[in-house]
Protein backbone atom coordinates (compact mmCIF):
# COMPACT_ATOMS: atom_id res chain seq x y z
CA MET A 1 -34.66 1.73 -7.11
CA MET A 2 -34.88 5.43 -7.82
CA ILE A 3 -34.05 6.81 -11.23
CA PHE A 4 -32.74 10.34 -11.45
CA ASP A 5 -32.53 12.46 -14.57
CA VAL A 6 -28.96 13.69 -14.58
CA PRO A 7 -28.06 16.29 -17.20
CA THR A 8 -25.43 14.76 -19.45
CA ASP A 9 -24.26 14.80 -23.03
CA LYS A 10 -23.66 11.05 -22.91
CA SER A 11 -25.83 8.47 -24.67
CA ARG A 12 -27.82 5.92 -22.71
CA VAL A 13 -27.34 2.18 -23.28
CA ALA A 14 -29.60 -0.44 -21.73
CA THR A 15 -28.95 -4.15 -21.39
CA TYR A 16 -30.17 -7.23 -19.56
CA ILE A 17 -27.83 -9.32 -17.42
CA GLU A 18 -28.25 -12.15 -14.93
CA GLU A 19 -28.96 -11.04 -11.36
CA GLU A 20 -25.85 -12.76 -9.98
CA LEU A 21 -23.66 -10.98 -12.54
CA LYS A 22 -25.30 -7.65 -11.66
CA GLN A 23 -24.57 -8.16 -7.97
CA LYS A 24 -20.92 -8.94 -8.67
CA LEU A 25 -20.67 -5.93 -10.97
CA GLU A 26 -22.06 -3.68 -8.23
CA LYS A 27 -19.47 -5.03 -5.78
CA LEU A 28 -16.62 -4.40 -8.22
CA ALA A 29 -17.82 -0.87 -8.92
CA ALA A 30 -18.10 -0.18 -5.19
CA LEU A 31 -14.57 -1.45 -4.60
CA GLU A 32 -13.33 1.23 -6.99
CA ASP A 33 -15.68 3.83 -5.48
CA ARG A 34 -17.49 4.20 -8.81
CA SER A 35 -21.05 4.00 -10.01
CA VAL A 36 -21.94 0.94 -12.05
CA SER A 37 -22.47 3.24 -15.03
CA ASN A 38 -19.02 4.80 -14.71
CA PHE A 39 -17.40 1.41 -14.09
CA LEU A 40 -19.00 -0.02 -17.24
CA GLU A 41 -18.06 3.04 -19.29
CA ARG A 42 -14.40 2.54 -18.31
CA LEU A 43 -14.53 -1.18 -19.19
CA ILE A 44 -16.17 -0.50 -22.54
CA LYS A 45 -13.60 2.20 -23.32
CA GLN A 46 -10.77 -0.25 -22.59
CA VAL A 47 -12.24 -2.83 -24.98
CA VAL A 48 -12.85 -0.24 -27.72
CA ASP A 49 -9.35 1.24 -27.32
CA GLN A 50 -7.85 -2.26 -27.60
CA ALA A 51 -9.88 -3.00 -30.74
CA GLU A 52 -8.75 0.29 -32.27
CA ARG A 53 -5.08 -0.45 -31.49
CA GLU A 54 -5.47 -3.85 -33.14
CA GLY A 55 -7.12 -2.29 -36.21
CA ARG A 56 -10.34 -4.20 -35.73
CA ILE A 57 -12.37 -0.99 -35.76
């Protein structure tokens, strides 16, 4: 796996997940023609937006 330094103003978040879950995540991201990073950012935004609408944060 190659890691590229991409100029961005976004923060980096690292996590550990099971290999099987990672493989499924990669397939889902590919189905939407997105990087895993972009796919996860969209999912996280949806969860945060929902929490804000519900007044939880």
